N, C-alpha and C. Protein backbone atom coordinates (compact mmCIF):
# COMPACT_ATOMS: atom_id res chain seq x y z
N MET A 1 -27.74 242.67 103.04
CA MET A 1 -29.06 241.50 104.07
C MET A 1 -29.24 240.49 103.59
N ASN A 2 -28.12 239.92 104.84
CA ASN A 2 -28.32 238.22 103.77
C ASN A 2 -29.64 237.14 104.62
N ARG A 3 -29.44 236.37 104.00
CA ARG A 3 -31.16 235.73 103.79
C ARG A 3 -31.47 234.53 104.97
N ARG A 4 -30.52 234.73 106.42
CA ARG A 4 -30.35 234.28 108.03
C ARG A 4 -31.14 234.79 108.61
N LEU A 5 -32.30 234.08 108.91
CA LEU A 5 -33.96 234.63 109.45
C LEU A 5 -33.59 234.64 111.00
N GLY A 6 -33.53 235.76 112.26
CA GLY A 6 -33.88 235.37 113.78
C GLY A 6 -35.02 235.88 113.25
N VAL A 7 -36.30 234.68 115.03
CA VAL A 7 -38.02 234.78 114.00
C VAL A 7 -38.19 235.00 116.08
N LEU A 8 -38.62 236.08 116.62
CA LEU A 8 -38.84 236.39 118.03
C LEU A 8 -40.46 236.02 118.70
N ILE A 9 -40.77 235.26 119.32
CA ILE A 9 -42.34 234.60 119.32
C ILE A 9 -42.14 235.30 120.94
N SER A 10 -43.15 235.02 121.37
CA SER A 10 -43.77 235.39 122.86
C SER A 10 -45.31 233.87 122.91
N GLY A 11 -45.30 233.00 121.97
CA GLY A 11 -46.70 232.29 121.97
C GLY A 11 -46.53 231.19 121.39
N ARG A 12 -47.75 230.68 120.30
CA ARG A 12 -48.28 229.93 119.29
C ARG A 12 -47.39 229.46 118.52
N GLY A 13 -46.89 230.86 118.10
CA GLY A 13 -45.69 231.35 116.49
C GLY A 13 -46.76 230.35 115.03
N SER A 14 -47.79 230.78 115.37
CA SER A 14 -48.57 230.53 113.81
C SER A 14 -47.93 231.07 112.84
N ASN A 15 -48.06 232.70 112.81
CA ASN A 15 -46.63 232.92 111.79
C ASN A 15 -45.56 232.66 111.34
N LEU A 16 -44.50 231.49 112.75
CA LEU A 16 -43.40 231.36 112.68
C LEU A 16 -43.50 230.20 111.79
N GLN A 17 -44.44 229.25 111.51
CA GLN A 17 -44.84 228.55 110.91
C GLN A 17 -45.12 229.21 109.84
N ALA A 18 -45.97 229.79 109.46
CA ALA A 18 -46.29 230.06 107.49
C ALA A 18 -44.33 231.08 107.26
N LEU A 19 -43.61 231.31 107.74
CA LEU A 19 -42.03 230.20 107.58
C LEU A 19 -41.42 230.44 107.24
N ILE A 20 -41.91 229.06 108.10
CA ILE A 20 -41.26 227.75 108.20
C ILE A 20 -41.51 227.29 106.47
N ASP A 21 -42.28 227.27 106.66
CA ASP A 21 -43.81 225.85 105.72
C ASP A 21 -42.93 227.49 104.13
N ALA A 22 -43.15 227.97 103.95
CA ALA A 22 -42.67 228.98 103.00
C ALA A 22 -41.78 228.87 102.62
N SER A 23 -40.32 228.60 103.52
CA SER A 23 -39.19 228.50 103.17
C SER A 23 -39.15 227.02 102.82
N ARG A 24 -40.09 226.06 103.65
CA ARG A 24 -39.58 224.09 102.90
C ARG A 24 -40.23 224.91 101.56
N GLU A 25 -41.08 225.04 101.69
CA GLU A 25 -41.49 224.98 100.30
C GLU A 25 -41.34 225.88 98.53
N GLY A 26 -40.09 226.78 99.15
CA GLY A 26 -39.52 227.80 97.93
C GLY A 26 -40.73 228.82 97.76
N ARG A 27 -41.42 229.27 98.07
CA ARG A 27 -42.34 230.31 98.11
C ARG A 27 -41.31 231.51 99.49
N LEU A 28 -39.74 230.99 100.12
CA LEU A 28 -39.29 232.12 100.64
C LEU A 28 -38.24 231.28 100.82
N ASP A 29 -36.93 232.15 99.35
CA ASP A 29 -35.61 232.51 99.56
C ASP A 29 -34.69 232.54 100.66
N ALA A 30 -35.07 231.85 102.76
CA ALA A 30 -33.95 232.70 103.90
C ALA A 30 -33.92 231.32 104.53
N THR A 31 -33.14 231.32 105.32
CA THR A 31 -33.28 230.11 106.87
C THR A 31 -33.11 230.69 107.62
N ILE A 32 -34.15 230.05 108.47
CA ILE A 32 -34.72 230.72 109.65
C ILE A 32 -32.95 229.36 110.72
N VAL A 33 -33.12 230.49 111.26
CA VAL A 33 -31.32 229.81 112.17
C VAL A 33 -32.03 229.74 113.56
N VAL A 34 -32.22 230.88 114.34
CA VAL A 34 -32.44 230.69 115.52
C VAL A 34 -34.00 231.32 115.54
N VAL A 35 -34.95 230.63 116.69
CA VAL A 35 -35.98 231.03 117.10
C VAL A 35 -35.99 231.44 118.42
N ILE A 36 -36.37 232.93 119.06
CA ILE A 36 -36.18 232.87 120.44
C ILE A 36 -37.49 233.83 120.96
N SER A 37 -37.50 232.97 121.80
CA SER A 37 -39.24 232.96 122.83
C SER A 37 -38.58 233.96 123.55
N ASN A 38 -39.04 234.98 124.34
CA ASN A 38 -39.53 235.02 126.27
C ASN A 38 -39.91 234.70 127.30
N ARG A 39 -40.96 233.77 126.60
CA ARG A 39 -41.63 232.90 126.98
C ARG A 39 -40.67 230.71 127.54
N ASP A 40 -40.86 230.67 128.13
CA ASP A 40 -40.95 229.34 127.85
C ASP A 40 -42.04 228.30 128.02
N ASP A 41 -41.52 226.90 127.49
CA ASP A 41 -43.23 226.21 127.16
C ASP A 41 -44.47 227.03 126.84
N VAL A 42 -43.96 227.42 125.66
CA VAL A 42 -44.71 227.84 124.09
C VAL A 42 -44.87 227.21 122.93
N GLN A 43 -46.16 227.29 122.52
CA GLN A 43 -45.62 225.62 121.42
C GLN A 43 -45.41 226.77 120.10
N GLY A 44 -44.51 227.97 120.57
CA GLY A 44 -43.72 228.71 118.96
C GLY A 44 -42.32 227.18 119.10
N LEU A 45 -41.94 227.07 120.64
CA LEU A 45 -41.11 226.40 120.60
C LEU A 45 -40.76 225.33 120.34
N GLU A 46 -41.58 224.57 120.12
CA GLU A 46 -42.00 223.14 119.52
C GLU A 46 -41.85 223.06 118.22
N ARG A 47 -42.90 224.32 117.49
CA ARG A 47 -42.84 224.17 115.35
C ARG A 47 -40.72 224.27 115.34
N ALA A 48 -40.72 224.99 116.09
CA ALA A 48 -39.29 225.26 116.14
C ALA A 48 -38.42 224.10 115.90
N ARG A 49 -38.67 223.26 116.74
CA ARG A 49 -37.48 222.44 117.27
C ARG A 49 -37.81 221.19 116.18
N ALA A 50 -39.66 221.39 115.95
CA ALA A 50 -39.63 220.18 115.36
C ALA A 50 -38.08 220.10 113.85
N ALA A 51 -38.83 221.65 113.41
CA ALA A 51 -38.25 221.68 112.35
C ALA A 51 -37.00 221.83 112.03
N GLY A 52 -36.71 222.02 113.47
CA GLY A 52 -34.50 221.35 112.80
C GLY A 52 -34.22 222.64 113.69
N ILE A 53 -34.64 223.59 113.63
CA ILE A 53 -34.37 225.13 114.06
C ILE A 53 -33.92 225.39 115.44
N ASP A 54 -32.59 225.92 115.76
CA ASP A 54 -31.75 226.07 116.68
C ASP A 54 -33.36 226.98 117.89
N ALA A 55 -33.55 226.75 118.78
CA ALA A 55 -34.45 227.07 119.75
C ALA A 55 -34.48 227.79 121.11
N LEU A 56 -34.68 228.52 121.57
CA LEU A 56 -34.27 229.03 123.68
C LEU A 56 -34.86 230.32 123.60
N THR A 57 -35.29 229.69 124.88
CA THR A 57 -36.19 231.42 125.92
C THR A 57 -34.47 232.37 126.76
N ILE A 58 -35.57 233.11 126.68
CA ILE A 58 -34.19 234.72 127.04
C ILE A 58 -35.58 234.90 127.56
N SER A 59 -35.86 234.93 128.66
CA SER A 59 -36.44 235.08 129.51
C SER A 59 -36.99 236.68 129.86
N HIS A 60 -37.53 237.38 130.21
CA HIS A 60 -37.53 238.99 130.11
C HIS A 60 -37.81 239.92 131.53
N ARG A 61 -37.47 238.04 132.37
CA ARG A 61 -37.14 238.72 133.75
C ARG A 61 -36.37 238.55 134.10
N GLY A 62 -36.11 239.25 135.57
CA GLY A 62 -34.88 238.46 135.96
C GLY A 62 -33.58 239.54 136.01
N TRP A 63 -33.86 240.79 134.89
CA TRP A 63 -33.07 241.57 134.01
C TRP A 63 -32.65 242.89 134.81
N PRO A 64 -31.38 243.48 134.86
CA PRO A 64 -31.53 244.39 135.07
C PRO A 64 -32.29 245.91 134.50
N SER A 65 -32.54 245.99 133.18
CA SER A 65 -33.32 247.02 132.82
C SER A 65 -33.61 246.34 131.07
N ARG A 66 -34.66 246.70 130.75
CA ARG A 66 -34.78 246.07 129.72
C ARG A 66 -33.66 245.97 128.27
N ASP A 67 -33.20 247.63 128.35
CA ASP A 67 -31.73 247.11 127.23
C ASP A 67 -30.95 246.01 127.48
N ASP A 68 -30.25 245.76 129.64
CA ASP A 68 -30.10 244.32 129.29
C ASP A 68 -30.79 243.33 128.61
N HIS A 69 -31.72 243.61 128.67
CA HIS A 69 -32.58 241.83 128.15
C HIS A 69 -32.67 241.77 126.49
N ASP A 70 -32.85 242.94 125.29
CA ASP A 70 -32.88 243.44 124.49
C ASP A 70 -31.26 243.04 124.05
N ARG A 71 -30.14 243.36 124.31
CA ARG A 71 -28.54 242.66 124.68
C ARG A 71 -28.50 241.24 124.58
N ALA A 72 -28.29 241.18 125.57
CA ALA A 72 -28.77 239.53 125.17
C ALA A 72 -28.74 238.91 123.99
N ILE A 73 -30.76 238.93 123.31
CA ILE A 73 -31.39 239.01 122.36
C ILE A 73 -30.50 238.78 120.52
N VAL A 74 -29.82 240.65 121.84
CA VAL A 74 -28.65 240.88 119.89
C VAL A 74 -27.76 239.60 119.98
N ARG A 75 -26.89 239.47 121.07
CA ARG A 75 -25.67 238.80 121.20
C ARG A 75 -26.06 237.60 120.89
N GLU A 76 -27.15 237.05 120.66
CA GLU A 76 -27.21 235.06 119.92
C GLU A 76 -27.97 235.56 118.93
N LEU A 77 -29.06 236.28 118.54
CA LEU A 77 -28.74 237.07 116.74
C LEU A 77 -27.44 237.11 115.67
N ARG A 78 -26.54 237.92 116.43
CA ARG A 78 -25.18 238.18 115.94
C ARG A 78 -24.11 236.91 115.85
N ALA A 79 -24.30 236.07 116.54
CA ALA A 79 -23.84 235.06 116.98
C ALA A 79 -24.10 233.71 115.68
N ARG A 80 -25.28 234.08 115.41
CA ARG A 80 -25.78 232.94 114.03
C ARG A 80 -25.45 233.62 113.08
N ASP A 81 -24.56 235.52 112.93
CA ASP A 81 -25.33 235.53 111.32
C ASP A 81 -26.44 236.17 110.42
N VAL A 82 -27.30 236.81 111.53
CA VAL A 82 -28.92 236.68 112.01
C VAL A 82 -28.47 238.92 110.44
N GLY A 83 -29.44 238.43 109.71
CA GLY A 83 -29.49 239.58 108.45
C GLY A 83 -30.68 240.01 108.49
N LEU A 84 -32.37 239.34 108.64
CA LEU A 84 -33.32 240.17 109.17
C LEU A 84 -33.77 239.78 110.80
N VAL A 85 -34.39 240.14 111.07
CA VAL A 85 -35.20 239.55 112.38
C VAL A 85 -36.84 239.71 112.70
N CYS A 86 -37.62 239.16 112.48
CA CYS A 86 -39.31 238.69 112.17
C CYS A 86 -40.26 238.29 113.78
N LEU A 87 -40.42 239.88 113.87
CA LEU A 87 -41.22 239.89 114.58
C LEU A 87 -42.10 238.73 114.68
N ALA A 88 -42.91 237.94 115.17
CA ALA A 88 -44.32 236.51 115.17
C ALA A 88 -44.95 236.05 116.89
N GLY A 89 -46.44 237.33 116.85
CA GLY A 89 -46.61 236.84 118.62
C GLY A 89 -45.29 237.47 119.09
N TYR A 90 -44.67 238.34 118.71
CA TYR A 90 -43.90 238.94 120.38
C TYR A 90 -44.30 239.87 121.21
N MET A 91 -44.43 239.84 122.14
CA MET A 91 -45.04 240.87 122.68
C MET A 91 -44.05 241.36 123.99
N ARG A 92 -43.44 242.06 122.95
CA ARG A 92 -41.93 242.74 123.91
C ARG A 92 -42.77 244.35 123.23
N LEU A 93 -42.34 245.67 123.70
CA LEU A 93 -41.54 246.23 123.31
C LEU A 93 -39.84 246.36 122.11
N VAL A 94 -39.92 246.39 121.61
CA VAL A 94 -38.19 246.37 120.81
C VAL A 94 -37.99 247.82 120.63
N GLY A 95 -36.80 247.63 121.57
CA GLY A 95 -35.82 248.90 122.54
C GLY A 95 -34.63 249.32 121.60
N ALA A 96 -33.51 250.33 122.03
CA ALA A 96 -32.58 250.69 121.35
C ALA A 96 -31.65 249.69 121.28
N PRO A 97 -31.57 248.77 121.41
CA PRO A 97 -30.76 247.67 121.42
C PRO A 97 -30.54 247.23 120.35
N LEU A 98 -31.74 246.24 120.31
CA LEU A 98 -32.14 246.12 119.02
C LEU A 98 -32.24 246.78 118.00
N LEU A 99 -32.63 248.11 117.92
CA LEU A 99 -32.98 248.56 116.73
C LEU A 99 -32.16 249.22 115.66
N ASP A 100 -30.70 249.24 117.10
CA ASP A 100 -30.32 249.86 116.67
C ASP A 100 -28.87 249.04 116.04
N ALA A 101 -29.36 247.56 116.54
CA ALA A 101 -28.10 246.64 115.88
C ALA A 101 -28.65 246.51 114.55
N TYR A 102 -29.83 246.94 113.79
CA TYR A 102 -30.88 246.06 113.51
C TYR A 102 -31.50 247.23 112.33
N PRO A 103 -30.55 247.66 112.29
CA PRO A 103 -32.01 248.69 111.16
C PRO A 103 -32.51 248.88 110.05
N ASN A 104 -33.58 249.59 110.28
CA ASN A 104 -34.38 249.26 108.87
C ASN A 104 -33.88 247.40 108.88
N ALA A 105 -34.82 246.11 109.72
CA ALA A 105 -33.99 244.79 109.14
C ALA A 105 -35.29 244.52 110.29
N ILE A 106 -35.79 244.89 111.35
CA ILE A 106 -36.82 244.21 111.80
C ILE A 106 -38.53 244.45 111.32
N LEU A 107 -39.16 243.71 111.12
CA LEU A 107 -40.41 243.12 110.37
C LEU A 107 -41.64 242.86 111.94
N ASN A 108 -42.74 243.16 111.39
CA ASN A 108 -44.36 243.17 112.32
C ASN A 108 -44.94 242.97 111.55
N ILE A 109 -45.67 241.84 112.46
CA ILE A 109 -47.00 242.11 111.58
C ILE A 109 -47.90 241.69 112.39
N HIS A 110 -49.13 243.13 112.20
CA HIS A 110 -50.09 243.41 112.45
C HIS A 110 -51.59 243.34 112.17
N PRO A 111 -52.41 242.85 113.43
CA PRO A 111 -53.91 242.56 112.66
C PRO A 111 -54.66 243.11 112.19
N SER A 112 -54.15 244.86 111.72
CA SER A 112 -55.53 245.49 111.85
C SER A 112 -54.46 246.38 110.44
N LEU A 113 -55.74 247.06 110.02
CA LEU A 113 -54.52 248.33 108.61
C LEU A 113 -54.37 249.42 109.62
N LEU A 114 -53.22 249.14 109.93
CA LEU A 114 -52.17 250.46 110.39
C LEU A 114 -52.13 251.53 109.12
N PRO A 115 -52.50 253.38 110.03
CA PRO A 115 -52.62 253.46 111.29
C PRO A 115 -53.74 253.41 112.13
N ALA A 116 -54.60 252.67 111.47
CA ALA A 116 -55.66 251.89 111.92
C ALA A 116 -55.45 250.56 113.19
N PHE A 117 -56.15 251.56 114.19
CA PHE A 117 -55.60 250.23 115.39
C PHE A 117 -55.32 249.54 116.14
N PRO A 118 -53.61 250.34 116.37
CA PRO A 118 -52.67 250.16 116.86
C PRO A 118 -53.00 249.51 118.46
N GLY A 119 -51.38 248.87 118.40
CA GLY A 119 -51.65 247.79 119.88
C GLY A 119 -52.26 246.27 120.23
N VAL A 120 -52.67 246.51 121.47
CA VAL A 120 -53.45 244.97 121.61
C VAL A 120 -54.83 245.17 120.84
N ASP A 121 -54.79 243.94 121.18
CA ASP A 121 -56.96 243.70 120.82
C ASP A 121 -57.56 244.78 119.59
N PRO A 122 -56.77 244.59 118.55
CA PRO A 122 -57.24 245.11 117.09
C PRO A 122 -58.89 244.38 116.62
N GLN A 123 -58.87 243.65 116.61
CA GLN A 123 -60.08 243.41 115.63
C GLN A 123 -61.42 243.49 116.94
N ARG A 124 -60.73 244.04 118.02
CA ARG A 124 -62.05 244.35 119.20
C ARG A 124 -62.56 245.95 118.78
N GLN A 125 -61.09 247.20 118.71
CA GLN A 125 -61.54 247.81 118.09
C GLN A 125 -61.24 247.59 116.61
N ALA A 126 -61.81 246.70 115.87
CA ALA A 126 -62.21 247.63 114.66
C ALA A 126 -64.09 247.10 114.52
N ILE A 127 -64.09 246.13 115.41
CA ILE A 127 -65.21 246.02 115.37
C ILE A 127 -66.66 246.88 116.49
N GLU A 128 -66.00 247.10 117.34
CA GLU A 128 -66.76 248.91 117.84
C GLU A 128 -66.79 250.08 117.58
N HIS A 129 -65.81 249.99 116.66
CA HIS A 129 -65.47 251.28 115.74
C HIS A 129 -66.02 250.98 114.56
N GLY A 130 -66.72 250.26 114.31
CA GLY A 130 -67.97 250.14 113.34
C GLY A 130 -67.92 250.33 111.77
N VAL A 131 -65.64 250.01 111.66
CA VAL A 131 -65.26 249.39 109.81
C VAL A 131 -65.32 248.32 109.34
N ARG A 132 -66.34 248.44 108.64
CA ARG A 132 -66.17 247.24 106.66
C ARG A 132 -64.95 246.96 106.50
N VAL A 133 -64.03 247.05 106.70
CA VAL A 133 -62.26 246.83 106.80
C VAL A 133 -61.42 246.96 107.34
N SER A 134 -61.20 245.79 108.12
CA SER A 134 -60.29 245.67 108.13
C SER A 134 -58.82 244.49 107.30
N GLY A 135 -58.00 243.76 108.28
CA GLY A 135 -56.41 243.43 107.56
C GLY A 135 -55.64 243.18 108.06
N VAL A 136 -54.31 243.31 107.41
CA VAL A 136 -53.09 243.11 108.48
C VAL A 136 -51.83 243.67 107.07
N THR A 137 -50.91 243.98 108.76
CA THR A 137 -50.00 245.03 108.01
C THR A 137 -48.41 244.06 108.53
N VAL A 138 -47.96 245.14 107.23
CA VAL A 138 -46.58 243.81 107.67
C VAL A 138 -45.31 245.28 107.42
N HIS A 139 -45.14 245.18 109.07
CA HIS A 139 -44.27 247.03 108.86
C HIS A 139 -43.11 247.00 109.41
N PHE A 140 -41.77 248.01 109.36
CA PHE A 140 -40.62 247.58 110.23
C PHE A 140 -41.27 248.35 111.28
N VAL A 141 -40.35 247.87 112.13
CA VAL A 141 -40.39 248.21 113.61
C VAL A 141 -39.31 249.76 114.26
N THR A 142 -39.85 250.02 114.41
CA THR A 142 -39.82 252.15 114.39
C THR A 142 -39.46 252.07 116.17
N SER A 143 -39.11 253.29 116.71
CA SER A 143 -39.29 253.07 118.32
C SER A 143 -40.91 253.44 119.14
N GLU A 144 -41.99 253.40 117.94
CA GLU A 144 -42.75 254.25 118.34
C GLU A 144 -43.89 252.75 117.94
N LEU A 145 -44.90 252.71 119.03
CA LEU A 145 -45.80 251.12 118.53
C LEU A 145 -46.31 251.50 117.28
N ASP A 146 -46.35 249.62 116.33
CA ASP A 146 -46.78 249.81 115.35
C ASP A 146 -46.32 250.79 114.24
N ASN A 147 -46.10 251.36 114.34
CA ASN A 147 -45.65 252.89 113.52
C ASN A 147 -44.44 253.01 112.87
N GLY A 148 -44.03 251.65 112.11
CA GLY A 148 -43.49 252.11 111.37
C GLY A 148 -43.47 251.89 110.01
N PRO A 149 -42.74 252.20 108.86
CA PRO A 149 -42.87 252.49 107.29
C PRO A 149 -43.87 250.70 106.82
N ILE A 150 -44.96 250.73 105.60
CA ILE A 150 -45.33 249.84 105.64
C ILE A 150 -45.19 249.15 104.33
N VAL A 151 -45.03 248.36 104.92
CA VAL A 151 -43.94 246.99 103.63
C VAL A 151 -45.59 246.65 103.10
N LEU A 152 -46.63 245.79 102.94
CA LEU A 152 -47.23 245.21 102.59
C LEU A 152 -49.11 245.16 103.17
N GLN A 153 -50.00 245.82 102.86
CA GLN A 153 -50.69 245.63 104.17
C GLN A 153 -52.35 244.22 102.54
N ARG A 154 -53.20 243.39 102.94
CA ARG A 154 -54.21 242.53 102.68
C ARG A 154 -55.15 242.81 103.50
N ALA A 155 -55.76 243.36 102.79
CA ALA A 155 -57.61 244.18 103.38
C ALA A 155 -59.04 242.62 103.43
N VAL A 156 -59.27 242.14 104.68
CA VAL A 156 -60.10 241.37 105.18
C VAL A 156 -61.60 242.29 105.65
N PRO A 157 -62.46 242.13 105.09
CA PRO A 157 -63.92 242.80 105.59
C PRO A 157 -64.25 242.18 106.77
N VAL A 158 -65.18 243.23 107.58
CA VAL A 158 -65.82 243.34 108.50
C VAL A 158 -67.28 242.98 107.94
N VAL A 159 -67.87 240.98 108.06
CA VAL A 159 -68.98 240.83 108.38
C VAL A 159 -69.72 241.48 108.89
N GLU A 160 -71.63 241.37 108.68
CA GLU A 160 -71.95 240.86 109.49
C GLU A 160 -72.18 240.30 110.73
N GLY A 161 -72.91 240.26 111.97
CA GLY A 161 -72.18 239.06 113.32
C GLY A 161 -71.21 239.04 113.95
N ASP A 162 -70.11 239.13 112.64
CA ASP A 162 -68.54 239.29 113.28
C ASP A 162 -68.18 239.67 114.64
N THR A 163 -67.53 238.58 115.50
CA THR A 163 -66.61 239.07 116.93
C THR A 163 -65.39 238.92 116.48
N PRO A 164 -64.78 239.54 117.51
CA PRO A 164 -62.76 239.54 117.72
C PRO A 164 -62.04 238.10 117.02
N ASP A 165 -62.61 237.09 117.89
CA ASP A 165 -62.56 235.77 117.65
C ASP A 165 -62.86 235.30 115.60
N THR A 166 -63.70 235.60 115.01
CA THR A 166 -64.60 235.49 114.19
C THR A 166 -63.57 236.54 112.48
N LEU A 167 -63.39 237.53 113.43
CA LEU A 167 -62.75 238.50 112.36
C LEU A 167 -61.04 237.89 112.40
N ALA A 168 -60.56 237.87 114.04
CA ALA A 168 -59.47 237.48 114.08
C ALA A 168 -59.27 236.00 112.85
N ALA A 169 -59.92 234.61 113.12
CA ALA A 169 -59.61 233.59 112.46
C ALA A 169 -59.78 234.22 110.70
N ARG A 170 -59.77 234.98 110.51
CA ARG A 170 -60.14 235.28 109.25
C ARG A 170 -58.38 236.01 108.71
N ILE A 171 -58.13 237.36 109.26
CA ILE A 171 -57.38 237.82 109.66
C ILE A 171 -56.10 237.47 109.28
N LEU A 172 -56.37 235.72 109.93
CA LEU A 172 -54.77 235.03 110.70
C LEU A 172 -54.61 234.64 109.14
N ILE A 173 -55.59 234.36 108.74
CA ILE A 173 -55.44 233.66 106.89
C ILE A 173 -54.78 234.71 105.79
N GLU A 174 -55.10 235.82 106.18
CA GLU A 174 -54.05 236.62 105.45
C GLU A 174 -52.89 237.18 105.60
N GLU A 175 -52.33 236.87 107.27
CA GLU A 175 -50.85 236.77 107.66
C GLU A 175 -50.16 236.60 107.16
N HIS A 176 -51.07 234.43 107.29
CA HIS A 176 -49.80 233.16 106.83
C HIS A 176 -49.94 233.86 105.48
N LYS A 177 -50.50 234.27 104.57
CA LYS A 177 -49.98 234.54 103.33
C LYS A 177 -48.86 236.01 103.25
N ALA A 178 -49.49 236.83 103.76
CA ALA A 178 -49.13 237.86 103.66
C ALA A 178 -47.15 238.80 104.31
N TYR A 179 -46.68 237.66 105.68
CA TYR A 179 -45.60 237.65 105.78
C TYR A 179 -44.60 236.88 105.19
N PRO A 180 -44.47 235.39 104.82
CA PRO A 180 -43.79 235.57 103.52
C PRO A 180 -43.45 236.17 102.87
N GLU A 181 -43.98 236.57 102.19
CA GLU A 181 -44.92 237.46 101.35
C GLU A 181 -43.65 238.96 101.59
N ALA A 182 -44.33 239.68 102.08
CA ALA A 182 -43.26 240.32 103.24
C ALA A 182 -42.43 240.63 103.26
N VAL A 183 -41.92 238.87 103.87
CA VAL A 183 -39.77 238.83 104.10
C VAL A 183 -39.11 239.42 102.76
N SER A 184 -40.09 237.99 102.00
CA SER A 184 -39.32 238.29 100.23
C SER A 184 -39.05 238.89 99.55
N MET A 185 -40.17 239.98 99.52
CA MET A 185 -39.97 241.91 98.98
C MET A 185 -38.40 242.41 99.86
N VAL A 186 -38.31 241.88 101.06
CA VAL A 186 -37.95 243.12 101.22
C VAL A 186 -36.47 242.65 100.97
N LEU A 187 -36.27 240.98 101.04
CA LEU A 187 -34.47 240.55 100.60
C LEU A 187 -34.82 240.50 99.53
N ALA A 188 -35.08 241.36 99.30
CA ALA A 188 -34.90 240.76 97.15
C ALA A 188 -34.32 242.34 97.41
N GLY A 189 -33.79 242.92 98.00
CA GLY A 189 -33.24 244.40 97.94
C GLY A 189 -34.04 245.47 97.22
N GLY A 190 -33.66 246.67 96.47
CA GLY A 190 -34.34 247.24 95.72
C GLY A 190 -35.14 247.93 96.10
N TRP A 191 -34.79 248.51 97.46
CA TRP A 191 -36.17 249.34 98.30
C TRP A 191 -35.28 250.27 98.43
N ARG A 192 -35.91 251.15 99.30
CA ARG A 192 -35.37 252.36 100.12
C ARG A 192 -36.55 253.01 101.33
N ILE A 193 -36.36 254.16 102.12
CA ILE A 193 -37.35 254.48 102.90
C ILE A 193 -37.15 255.18 103.12
N GLU A 194 -38.09 256.23 102.55
CA GLU A 194 -38.38 257.76 102.83
C GLU A 194 -39.72 258.56 103.13
N GLY A 195 -38.87 259.33 104.45
CA GLY A 195 -39.84 259.19 104.91
C GLY A 195 -40.40 258.62 105.54
N ARG A 196 -41.68 257.97 105.35
CA ARG A 196 -42.73 256.90 106.39
C ARG A 196 -42.55 256.10 105.49
N ARG A 197 -42.26 255.99 103.92
CA ARG A 197 -42.78 255.23 102.88
C ARG A 197 -41.51 254.35 103.10
N PHE A 198 -42.14 253.15 101.71
CA PHE A 198 -41.41 252.05 101.82
C PHE A 198 -41.44 252.03 100.25
N VAL A 199 -40.34 251.92 99.68
CA VAL A 199 -40.28 252.33 98.18
C VAL A 199 -39.30 251.63 97.78
N ARG A 200 -40.20 251.00 96.64
CA ARG A 200 -39.34 249.93 95.51
C ARG A 200 -38.89 250.44 94.52
N SER A 201 -37.65 250.09 93.50
CA SER A 201 -37.88 250.74 92.54
C SER A 201 -37.59 249.32 91.94
N ALA A 202 -38.19 250.51 90.02
CA ALA A 202 -38.68 249.68 89.27
C ALA A 202 -38.58 248.08 88.86
N SER A 203 -36.65 247.95 88.98
CA SER A 203 -36.10 247.29 88.37
C SER A 203 -35.52 246.35 90.56
N ALA A 204 -36.95 245.77 90.99
CA ALA A 204 -36.35 245.26 92.29
C ALA A 204 -36.56 243.89 92.24
N GLY A 205 -36.47 242.97 93.79
CA GLY A 205 -36.35 241.57 92.42
C GLY A 205 -38.05 240.96 92.48
N SER A 206 -38.16 239.89 92.32
CA SER A 206 -38.86 238.95 91.52
C SER A 206 -40.17 238.93 92.82
N ALA A 207 -39.98 239.06 94.16
CA ALA A 207 -41.15 239.58 94.94
C ALA A 207 -42.20 240.18 94.79
N SER A 208 -43.25 240.76 93.78
CA SER A 208 -44.05 241.10 93.33
C SER A 208 -44.75 241.09 94.98
N PRO A 209 -45.30 242.72 95.29
CA PRO A 209 -45.99 243.05 96.44
C PRO A 209 -47.86 242.34 95.60
N SER A 210 -48.49 242.09 96.38
CA SER A 210 -50.14 242.24 96.04
C SER A 210 -50.40 243.51 96.35
N PRO A 211 -51.93 243.94 95.41
CA PRO A 211 -52.50 244.80 95.55
C PRO A 211 -53.50 244.60 96.82
N LEU A 212 -53.25 245.29 97.62
CA LEU A 212 -54.48 245.49 99.37
C LEU A 212 -56.18 245.63 98.21
N ARG A 213 -56.21 243.70 99.23
CA ARG A 213 -57.54 243.02 98.48
C ARG A 213 -58.01 242.36 99.80
N ALA A 214 -59.30 242.50 99.15
CA ALA A 214 -60.29 242.10 100.52
C ALA A 214 -59.64 240.53 100.85
N GLY A 215 -59.19 239.71 101.36
CA GLY A 215 -59.11 238.94 101.49
C GLY A 215 -59.69 237.10 101.18
N SER A 216 -59.64 235.91 101.24
CA SER A 216 -60.53 235.01 100.71
C SER A 216 -61.36 234.47 102.24
C-alpha cells in the first residue's frame, strides 16, 4: 500500500482538514493527492483547493446505476495511483466496484463506538438509548454499513444535559485526532485481518494505537 491518499467527501470536510493538517505537520506520513465529492459547492472542496490538492465533483446523479458512479470514482483514484481511500463525511454507500478495486484499503470514521449506533444520527441514538459513553470508530469499509474491522476507537463520555449537537461537538474533537492516527497505523503495515479483527504484529511500525479512553 503506497502513501497516496484519496479522500471522498459530501460536505464540510472537517475530517479532511484534520488529515491535511496532520500531513502538513508531519504527524501523518502520507500525501492527499485527490479529494472527490459527490456534491458540488461544498466546503470540503474549498478546503482541498486551498491546500493545493486536486479536487473534483463526481455527482451521484445521472448515472445508469450506482456501480457506474463508483466506477467513475475508481478511474479517478487509479489515475492518481491512490493506495488508500479515506471516507470523510461521505454520505454514500460504497459499492462493489470500489470495494473490489481497494480491498482492505478503504477507511471510514463514524461518531459512535461501533457496533453500537451505526447509520445516521448516532449521537441522537446514543442519548435516546441512555448510554454513558459514546465515541468514535475508524474502521475498514465493507459491503455492510458501518460493519467492517475496527482499526481504532476513542471513548467520549455522555454527560448530563447533553444534546445531539453538544455530544457531536465533543466527539468531533476526538475524530480529528483519531483519523490521522488510524491512517498512520494502516500505512505502517504489519497488520492482518482475522475474521472481523484488525490485528497488528509486535513488529508493526511506530504508529501505536491509543487505548480506548475518555476524550478530553
